[in-house]
């Protein structure tokens, strides 16, 4: 199947949202920026597409999100937590949603 078949109905956000870290180094979106650019929260919204024209999606129960912090405690050590259920409430960082108009190639 064509990659467009899988992603045609998606909103496309033009923001840097990936965070990569290794040891004392890391790169990606500034942590002061909004984290999630999804109008509606989905626990596992990602599809990974490769240059070969193939895509993968993962059905495991793990996803990782940039968390919002209480400004009063932002420099305290974060508490580890597991959020169960479909909606994590106010702990997932949010942003204004943007959408790109899709044009046929």
C-alpha atoms as a PDB file:
ATOM      1  CA  UNK A   1       0.000   0.000   0.000  1.00  0.00           C
ATOM      2  CA  UNK A   2       1.038   3.574  -0.601  1.00  0.00           C
ATOM      3  CA  UNK A   3       2.170   5.571   2.430  1.00  0.00           C
ATOM      4  CA  UNK A   4      -0.487   8.200   1.604  1.00  0.00           C
ATOM      5  CA  UNK A   5      -3.158   5.522   2.043  1.00  0.00           C
ATOM      6  CA  UNK A   6      -2.204   5.334   5.722  1.00  0.00           C
ATOM      7  CA  UNK A   7      -1.752   9.024   6.535  1.00  0.00           C
ATOM      8  CA  UNK A   8      -4.109  10.891   4.201  1.00  0.00           C
ATOM      9  CA  UNK A   9      -6.621  11.786   6.931  1.00  0.00           C
ATOM     10  CA  UNK A  10      -4.043  12.923   9.494  1.00  0.00           C
ATOM     11  CA  UNK A  11      -3.475  16.478  10.625  1.00  0.00           C
ATOM     12  CA  UNK A  12       0.126  17.390   9.949  1.00  0.00           C
ATOM     13  CA  UNK A  13       1.844  19.628  12.461  1.00  0.00           C
ATOM     14  CA  UNK A  14       4.907  21.599  11.491  1.00  0.00           C
ATOM     15  CA  UNK A  15       6.715  21.630  14.817  1.00  0.00           C
ATOM     16  CA  UNK A  16       9.864  20.004  16.114  1.00  0.00           C
ATOM     17  CA  UNK A  17       8.557  17.597  18.717  1.00  0.00           C
ATOM     18  CA  UNK A  18      11.043  14.741  18.887  1.00  0.00           C
ATOM     19  CA  UNK A  19      13.322  14.542  21.900  1.00  0.00           C
ATOM     20  CA  UNK A  20      16.474  12.460  21.717  1.00  0.00           C
ATOM     21  CA  UNK A  21      18.782  11.905  24.648  1.00  0.00           C
ATOM     22  CA  UNK A  22      21.936   9.914  25.265  1.00  0.00           C
ATOM     23  CA  UNK A  23      23.916  10.369  28.444  1.00  0.00           C
ATOM     24  CA  UNK A  24      24.523  14.076  29.042  1.00  0.00           C
ATOM     25  CA  UNK A  25      23.549  15.035  25.490  1.00  0.00           C
ATOM     26  CA  UNK A  26      20.204  15.521  23.806  1.00  0.00           C
ATOM     27  CA  UNK A  27      18.447  17.376  21.040  1.00  0.00           C
ATOM     28  CA  UNK A  28      14.974  18.281  19.889  1.00  0.00           C
ATOM     29  CA  UNK A  29      12.297  20.759  20.811  1.00  0.00           C
ATOM     30  CA  UNK A  30      13.116  23.307  23.533  1.00  0.00           C
ATOM     31  CA  UNK A  31      11.464  22.128  26.729  1.00  0.00           C
ATOM     32  CA  UNK A  32       9.810  25.540  27.167  1.00  0.00           C
ATOM     33  CA  UNK A  33       7.849  24.927  23.940  1.00  0.00           C
ATOM     34  CA  UNK A  34       4.503  23.112  23.714  1.00  0.00           C
ATOM     35  CA  UNK A  35       4.876  19.344  23.536  1.00  0.00           C
ATOM     36  CA  UNK A  36       1.827  17.757  21.953  1.00  0.00           C
ATOM     37  CA  UNK A  37       0.278  19.158  18.800  1.00  0.00           C
ATOM     38  CA  UNK A  38      -2.753  16.877  18.657  1.00  0.00           C
ATOM     39  CA  UNK A  39      -6.302  18.224  18.783  1.00  0.00           C
ATOM     40  CA  UNK A  40      -7.464  15.067  20.546  1.00  0.00           C
ATOM     41  CA  UNK A  41      -5.216  12.970  22.761  1.00  0.00           C
ATOM     42  CA  UNK A  42      -4.457   9.429  21.523  1.00  0.00           C
ATOM     43  CA  UNK A  43      -2.287   7.166  23.637  1.00  0.00           C
ATOM     44  CA  UNK A  44      -0.400   5.688  20.693  1.00  0.00           C
ATOM     45  CA  UNK A  45      -0.868   8.008  17.688  1.00  0.00           C
ATOM     46  CA  UNK A  46       2.354   7.358  15.809  1.00  0.00           C
ATOM     47  CA  UNK A  47       3.073   5.569  12.566  1.00  0.00           C
ATOM     48  CA  UNK A  48       6.715   5.200  11.550  1.00  0.00           C
ATOM     49  CA  UNK A  49       7.402   5.402   7.809  1.00  0.00           C
ATOM     50  CA  UNK A  50      10.696   4.438   6.179  1.00  0.00           C
ATOM     51  CA  UNK A  51      12.318   5.694   2.993  1.00  0.00           C
ATOM     52  CA  UNK A  52      11.637   2.310   1.370  1.00  0.00           C
ATOM     53  CA  UNK A  53       7.881   3.037   1.157  1.00  0.00           C
ATOM     54  CA  UNK A  54       6.990   0.844   4.140  1.00  0.00           C
ATOM     55  CA  UNK A  55       5.406   1.871   7.440  1.00  0.00           C
ATOM     56  CA  UNK A  56       5.214   0.332  10.911  1.00  0.00           C
ATOM     57  CA  UNK A  57       2.890   0.994  13.788  1.00  0.00           C
ATOM     58  CA  UNK A  58       3.281  -0.422  17.246  1.00  0.00           C
ATOM     59  CA  UNK A  59       0.426  -1.896  19.244  1.00  0.00           C
ATOM     60  CA  UNK A  60       2.204  -2.155  22.580  1.00  0.00           C
ATOM     61  CA  UNK A  61       0.898  -0.226  25.554  1.00  0.00           C
ATOM     62  CA  UNK A  62       3.799   2.229  25.828  1.00  0.00           C
ATOM     63  CA  UNK A  63       3.949   5.823  24.691  1.00  0.00           C
ATOM     64  CA  UNK A  64       6.085   8.720  25.874  1.00  0.00           C
ATOM     65  CA  UNK A  65       4.933  12.332  26.121  1.00  0.00           C
ATOM     66  CA  UNK A  66       6.424  15.623  27.178  1.00  0.00           C
ATOM     67  CA  UNK A  67       4.793  16.205  30.562  1.00  0.00           C
ATOM     68  CA  UNK A  68       3.493  19.521  31.790  1.00  0.00           C
ATOM     69  CA  UNK A  69       4.780  20.555  35.196  1.00  0.00           C
ATOM     70  CA  UNK A  70       3.308  22.641  37.962  1.00  0.00           C
ATOM     71  CA  UNK A  71       5.254  25.943  37.791  1.00  0.00           C
ATOM     72  CA  UNK A  72       5.496  25.945  41.589  1.00  0.00           C
ATOM     73  CA  UNK A  73       7.420  22.630  41.551  1.00  0.00           C
ATOM     74  CA  UNK A  74       9.193  22.658  38.199  1.00  0.00           C
ATOM     75  CA  UNK A  75      12.679  22.447  39.706  1.00  0.00           C
ATOM     76  CA  UNK A  76      11.845  19.622  42.111  1.00  0.00           C
ATOM     77  CA  UNK A  77      12.661  16.022  41.271  1.00  0.00           C
ATOM     78  CA  UNK A  78       9.722  14.636  39.220  1.00  0.00           C
ATOM     79  CA  UNK A  79       7.653  11.824  40.722  1.00  0.00           C
ATOM     80  CA  UNK A  80       7.576   8.660  38.588  1.00  0.00           C
ATOM     81  CA  UNK A  81       4.019   7.711  37.705  1.00  0.00           C
ATOM     82  CA  UNK A  82       2.037   5.411  35.471  1.00  0.00           C
ATOM     83  CA  UNK A  83      -1.162   6.825  34.047  1.00  0.00           C
ATOM     84  CA  UNK A  84      -3.857   4.294  33.242  1.00  0.00           C
ATOM     85  CA  UNK A  85      -6.955   4.832  31.151  1.00  0.00           C
ATOM     86  CA  UNK A  86      -7.552   6.759  27.955  1.00  0.00           C
ATOM     87  CA  UNK A  87      -7.133  10.324  29.178  1.00  0.00           C
ATOM     88  CA  UNK A  88      -4.116  11.432  31.228  1.00  0.00           C
ATOM     89  CA  UNK A  89      -5.753  14.729  32.165  1.00  0.00           C
ATOM     90  CA  UNK A  90      -3.514  17.737  32.546  1.00  0.00           C
ATOM     91  CA  UNK A  91      -0.142  15.974  32.714  1.00  0.00           C
ATOM     92  CA  UNK A  92       0.444  15.885  28.937  1.00  0.00           C
ATOM     93  CA  UNK A  93       1.794  19.131  27.499  1.00  0.00           C
ATOM     94  CA  UNK A  94      -0.518  20.693  24.910  1.00  0.00           C
ATOM     95  CA  UNK A  95      -0.250  23.275  22.149  1.00  0.00           C
ATOM     96  CA  UNK A  96      -2.397  25.051  19.605  1.00  0.00           C
ATOM     97  CA  UNK A  97      -3.242  22.692  16.742  1.00  0.00           C
ATOM     98  CA  UNK A  98      -2.037  23.457  13.251  1.00  0.00           C
ATOM     99  CA  UNK A  99      -3.054  21.716  10.038  1.00  0.00           C
ATOM    100  CA  UNK A 100      -1.428  21.639   6.626  1.00  0.00           C
ATOM    101  CA  UNK A 101      -3.670  21.619   3.571  1.00  0.00           C
ATOM    102  CA  UNK A 102      -3.050  18.387   1.670  1.00  0.00           C
ATOM    103  CA  UNK A 103      -2.254  18.789  -2.027  1.00  0.00           C
ATOM    104  CA  UNK A 104      -2.166  16.006  -4.571  1.00  0.00           C
ATOM    105  CA  UNK A 105       1.332  15.388  -5.968  1.00  0.00           C
END
